[in-house]
Amino acid sequence: MAARQRDKVAQDEVHQNQILRELYLKELRTQKLCTQYHVNPLRKVHPIARKPMSWHDNLEEPADVRFLNLIYHAAQGPRKKYPETQTESQEIGWDSEPLVNPDRQDRRLNHFRVYNDITLYKAKLWSLGEEDHKK
């Protein structure tokens, strides 16, 4: 226990000054002044967006036709891009045209709600909240 207390005794100013001087000289030895900078090839580069109102961003540049065609192709739907389905989930709804022509005048396929005098009267009563239809 007494040995621990001796280790904690403060050293004199000469020793402290010597330690600080050695640290200072070690720092000076390892310091290096860099004047040429380059991008580290091992790190990903994150581009910084330019200012929106700067004049050099608004200069007209020739359009890249290949890039525009690539963007146009990517924006199209899958039915316009491919002649047939590419995945099984695309098979659902791939052929979305109706099998029968949806002619609204054809009475065989369109059964509209038709009201007679009595049915029209009862429908109006029910819409007004008449509850005598439970009898």
C-alpha atoms as a PDB file:
ATOM      1  CA  MET A   1       0.000   0.000   0.000  1.00  0.00           C
ATOM      2  CA  ALA A   2       2.877   2.324   0.752  1.00  0.00           C
ATOM      3  CA  ALA A   3       4.448   1.492  -2.653  1.00  0.00           C
ATOM      4  CA  ARG A   4       1.338   2.702  -4.436  1.00  0.00           C
ATOM      5  CA  GLN A   5       1.436   6.027  -2.656  1.00  0.00           C
ATOM      6  CA  ARG A   6       5.065   6.546  -3.677  1.00  0.00           C
ATOM      7  CA  ASP A   7       4.120   6.063  -7.354  1.00  0.00           C
ATOM      8  CA  LYS A   8       1.541   8.799  -7.048  1.00  0.00           C
ATOM      9  CA  VAL A   9       4.013  11.339  -5.695  1.00  0.00           C
ATOM     10  CA  ALA A  10       4.330  14.218  -8.174  1.00  0.00           C
ATOM     11  CA  GLN A  11       7.662  14.455 -10.003  1.00  0.00           C
ATOM     12  CA  ASP A  12       9.634  17.690  -9.883  1.00  0.00           C
ATOM     13  CA  GLU A  13       9.391  20.366 -12.585  1.00  0.00           C
ATOM     14  CA  VAL A  14      12.604  19.298 -14.333  1.00  0.00           C
ATOM     15  CA  HIS A  15      11.210  15.814 -15.081  1.00  0.00           C
ATOM     16  CA  GLN A  16       7.859  17.215 -16.220  1.00  0.00           C
ATOM     17  CA  ASN A  17       9.602  19.699 -18.506  1.00  0.00           C
ATOM     18  CA  GLN A  18      11.734  16.901 -19.979  1.00  0.00           C
ATOM     19  CA  ILE A  19       8.645  14.771 -20.680  1.00  0.00           C
ATOM     20  CA  LEU A  20       6.854  17.672 -22.376  1.00  0.00           C
ATOM     21  CA  ARG A  21       9.963  18.441 -24.466  1.00  0.00           C
ATOM     22  CA  GLU A  22      10.200  14.830 -25.658  1.00  0.00           C
ATOM     23  CA  LEU A  23       6.517  14.852 -26.624  1.00  0.00           C
ATOM     24  CA  TYR A  24       6.984  18.109 -28.519  1.00  0.00           C
ATOM     25  CA  LEU A  25      10.000  16.797 -30.449  1.00  0.00           C
ATOM     26  CA  LYS A  26       8.175  13.550 -31.271  1.00  0.00           C
ATOM     27  CA  GLU A  27       5.249  15.550 -32.685  1.00  0.00           C
ATOM     28  CA  LEU A  28       7.598  17.670 -34.803  1.00  0.00           C
ATOM     29  CA  ARG A  29       9.287  14.542 -36.184  1.00  0.00           C
ATOM     30  CA  THR A  30       5.967  13.009 -37.290  1.00  0.00           C
ATOM     31  CA  GLN A  31       4.471  16.204 -38.711  1.00  0.00           C
ATOM     32  CA  LYS A  32       4.336  16.444 -42.467  1.00  0.00           C
ATOM     33  CA  LEU A  33       3.249  19.477 -44.467  1.00  0.00           C
ATOM     34  CA  CYS A  34       0.914  18.430 -47.289  1.00  0.00           C
ATOM     35  CA  THR A  35       0.637  20.720 -50.296  1.00  0.00           C
ATOM     36  CA  GLN A  36      -0.736  18.278 -52.888  1.00  0.00           C
ATOM     37  CA  TYR A  37      -4.141  16.743 -52.336  1.00  0.00           C
ATOM     38  CA  HIS A  38      -5.818  13.909 -54.185  1.00  0.00           C
ATOM     39  CA  VAL A  39      -8.853  11.678 -53.833  1.00  0.00           C
ATOM     40  CA  ASN A  40      -8.369   8.492 -51.890  1.00  0.00           C
ATOM     41  CA  PRO A  41      -9.057   5.691 -54.395  1.00  0.00           C
ATOM     42  CA  LEU A  42     -10.157   3.326 -51.617  1.00  0.00           C
ATOM     43  CA  ARG A  43     -13.085   5.491 -50.491  1.00  0.00           C
ATOM     44  CA  LYS A  44     -16.360   6.164 -52.253  1.00  0.00           C
ATOM     45  CA  VAL A  45     -16.718   9.642 -53.649  1.00  0.00           C
ATOM     46  CA  HIS A  46     -19.915  11.483 -52.747  1.00  0.00           C
ATOM     47  CA  PRO A  47     -20.644  14.130 -55.373  1.00  0.00           C
ATOM     48  CA  ILE A  48     -21.763  17.493 -54.134  1.00  0.00           C
ATOM     49  CA  ALA A  49     -24.678  19.144 -55.904  1.00  0.00           C
ATOM     50  CA  ARG A  50     -24.000  22.418 -57.618  1.00  0.00           C
ATOM     51  CA  LYS A  51     -25.766  25.658 -56.861  1.00  0.00           C
ATOM     52  CA  PRO A  52     -29.125  25.835 -58.625  1.00  0.00           C
ATOM     53  CA  MET A  53     -28.787  29.420 -59.860  1.00  0.00           C
ATOM     54  CA  SER A  54     -25.166  29.361 -61.011  1.00  0.00           C
ATOM     55  CA  TRP A  55     -24.532  30.420 -64.612  1.00  0.00           C
ATOM     56  CA  HIS A  56     -22.195  27.558 -65.515  1.00  0.00           C
ATOM     57  CA  ASP A  57     -24.849  24.930 -64.717  1.00  0.00           C
ATOM     58  CA  ASN A  58     -27.304  26.519 -67.118  1.00  0.00           C
ATOM     59  CA  LEU A  59     -25.075  26.241 -70.172  1.00  0.00           C
ATOM     60  CA  GLU A  60     -26.575  24.286 -73.040  1.00  0.00           C
ATOM     61  CA  GLU A  61     -24.935  20.918 -73.537  1.00  0.00           C
ATOM     62  CA  PRO A  62     -25.579  18.491 -76.382  1.00  0.00           C
ATOM     63  CA  ALA A  63     -28.163  15.835 -75.526  1.00  0.00           C
ATOM     64  CA  ASP A  64     -26.886  12.302 -75.142  1.00  0.00           C
ATOM     65  CA  VAL A  65     -29.246  10.300 -77.356  1.00  0.00           C
ATOM     66  CA  ARG A  66     -28.219   6.926 -75.917  1.00  0.00           C
ATOM     67  CA  PHE A  67     -28.862   8.098 -72.361  1.00  0.00           C
ATOM     68  CA  LEU A  68     -32.238   9.614 -73.287  1.00  0.00           C
ATOM     69  CA  ASN A  69     -33.292   6.366 -74.977  1.00  0.00           C
ATOM     70  CA  LEU A  70     -32.248   4.412 -71.895  1.00  0.00           C
ATOM     71  CA  ILE A  71     -34.328   6.661 -69.628  1.00  0.00           C
ATOM     72  CA  TYR A  72     -37.312   6.469 -71.984  1.00  0.00           C
ATOM     73  CA  HIS A  73     -37.093   2.670 -72.103  1.00  0.00           C
ATOM     74  CA  ALA A  74     -36.884   2.412 -68.297  1.00  0.00           C
ATOM     75  CA  ALA A  75     -39.963   4.631 -67.853  1.00  0.00           C
ATOM     76  CA  GLN A  76     -42.158   2.440 -70.039  1.00  0.00           C
ATOM     77  CA  GLY A  77     -44.428  -0.195 -68.600  1.00  0.00           C
ATOM     78  CA  PRO A  78     -43.520  -3.884 -68.788  1.00  0.00           C
ATOM     79  CA  ARG A  79     -46.100  -4.591 -71.532  1.00  0.00           C
ATOM     80  CA  LYS A  80     -44.365  -2.091 -73.829  1.00  0.00           C
ATOM     81  CA  LYS A  81     -40.860  -3.275 -72.950  1.00  0.00           C
ATOM     82  CA  TYR A  82     -41.269  -7.028 -73.330  1.00  0.00           C
ATOM     83  CA  PRO A  83     -43.308  -9.189 -75.716  1.00  0.00           C
ATOM     84  CA  GLU A  84     -44.156 -11.711 -72.959  1.00  0.00           C
ATOM     85  CA  THR A  85     -44.037 -11.908 -69.171  1.00  0.00           C
ATOM     86  CA  GLN A  86     -40.662 -11.974 -67.441  1.00  0.00           C
ATOM     87  CA  THR A  87     -41.852 -13.207 -64.029  1.00  0.00           C
ATOM     88  CA  GLU A  88     -44.775 -15.306 -62.826  1.00  0.00           C
ATOM     89  CA  SER A  89     -46.306 -12.385 -60.963  1.00  0.00           C
ATOM     90  CA  GLN A  90     -46.518 -10.452 -64.248  1.00  0.00           C
ATOM     91  CA  GLU A  91     -48.746 -13.164 -65.695  1.00  0.00           C
ATOM     92  CA  ILE A  92     -51.613 -11.890 -63.553  1.00  0.00           C
ATOM     93  CA  GLY A  93     -53.255  -9.116 -65.551  1.00  0.00           C
ATOM     94  CA  TRP A  94     -50.834  -9.326 -68.502  1.00  0.00           C
ATOM     95  CA  ASP A  95     -53.735  -9.770 -70.952  1.00  0.00           C
ATOM     96  CA  SER A  96     -56.048  -7.055 -69.685  1.00  0.00           C
ATOM     97  CA  GLU A  97     -58.239  -6.687 -72.778  1.00  0.00           C
ATOM     98  CA  PRO A  98     -61.783  -7.896 -72.149  1.00  0.00           C
ATOM     99  CA  LEU A  99     -62.740 -11.169 -73.836  1.00  0.00           C
ATOM    100  CA  VAL A 100     -66.136  -9.813 -74.857  1.00  0.00           C
ATOM    101  CA  ASN A 101     -66.780  -6.382 -76.316  1.00  0.00           C
ATOM    102  CA  PRO A 102     -68.354  -4.260 -73.538  1.00  0.00           C
ATOM    103  CA  ASP A 103     -71.325  -3.040 -75.540  1.00  0.00           C
ATOM    104  CA  ARG A 104     -73.660  -1.229 -73.120  1.00  0.00           C
ATOM    105  CA  GLN A 105     -76.667  -1.621 -75.438  1.00  0.00           C
ATOM    106  CA  ASP A 106     -76.500  -5.412 -75.420  1.00  0.00           C
ATOM    107  CA  ARG A 107     -79.229  -6.640 -73.024  1.00  0.00           C
ATOM    108  CA  ARG A 108     -77.723 -10.135 -72.772  1.00  0.00           C
ATOM    109  CA  LEU A 109     -74.739  -8.960 -70.700  1.00  0.00           C
ATOM    110  CA  ASN A 110     -75.991  -5.759 -69.068  1.00  0.00           C
ATOM    111  CA  HIS A 111     -78.743  -6.144 -66.509  1.00  0.00           C
ATOM    112  CA  PHE A 112     -79.516  -2.668 -65.320  1.00  0.00           C
ATOM    113  CA  ARG A 113     -81.755  -1.966 -62.358  1.00  0.00           C
ATOM    114  CA  VAL A 114     -85.229  -1.297 -63.664  1.00  0.00           C
ATOM    115  CA  TYR A 115     -87.931   0.265 -61.497  1.00  0.00           C
ATOM    116  CA  ASN A 116     -91.668  -0.249 -61.970  1.00  0.00           C
ATOM    117  CA  ASP A 117     -94.262   1.904 -60.240  1.00  0.00           C
ATOM    118  CA  ILE A 118     -94.440  -0.252 -57.110  1.00  0.00           C
ATOM    119  CA  THR A 119     -90.691  -0.889 -56.848  1.00  0.00           C
ATOM    120  CA  LEU A 120     -89.948   2.793 -57.330  1.00  0.00           C
ATOM    121  CA  TYR A 121     -92.430   3.703 -54.580  1.00  0.00           C
ATOM    122  CA  LYS A 122     -90.934   1.193 -52.121  1.00  0.00           C
ATOM    123  CA  ALA A 123     -87.338   2.243 -52.948  1.00  0.00           C
ATOM    124  CA  LYS A 124     -88.241   5.858 -52.155  1.00  0.00           C
ATOM    125  CA  LEU A 125     -89.805   4.819 -48.842  1.00  0.00           C
ATOM    126  CA  TRP A 126     -86.721   2.841 -47.835  1.00  0.00           C
ATOM    127  CA  SER A 127     -84.384   5.706 -48.787  1.00  0.00           C
ATOM    128  CA  LEU A 128     -86.412   8.037 -46.536  1.00  0.00           C
ATOM    129  CA  GLY A 129     -86.018   5.649 -43.600  1.00  0.00           C
ATOM    130  CA  GLU A 130     -89.357   3.884 -43.635  1.00  0.00           C
ATOM    131  CA  GLU A 131     -89.020   0.758 -41.514  1.00  0.00           C
ATOM    132  CA  ASP A 132     -92.296  -1.017 -42.376  1.00  0.00           C
ATOM    133  CA  HIS A 133     -90.513  -3.388 -44.759  1.00  0.00           C
ATOM    134  CA  LYS A 134     -89.715  -5.647 -41.751  1.00  0.00           C
ATOM    135  CA  LYS A 135     -93.410  -6.707 -41.359  1.00  0.00           C
END
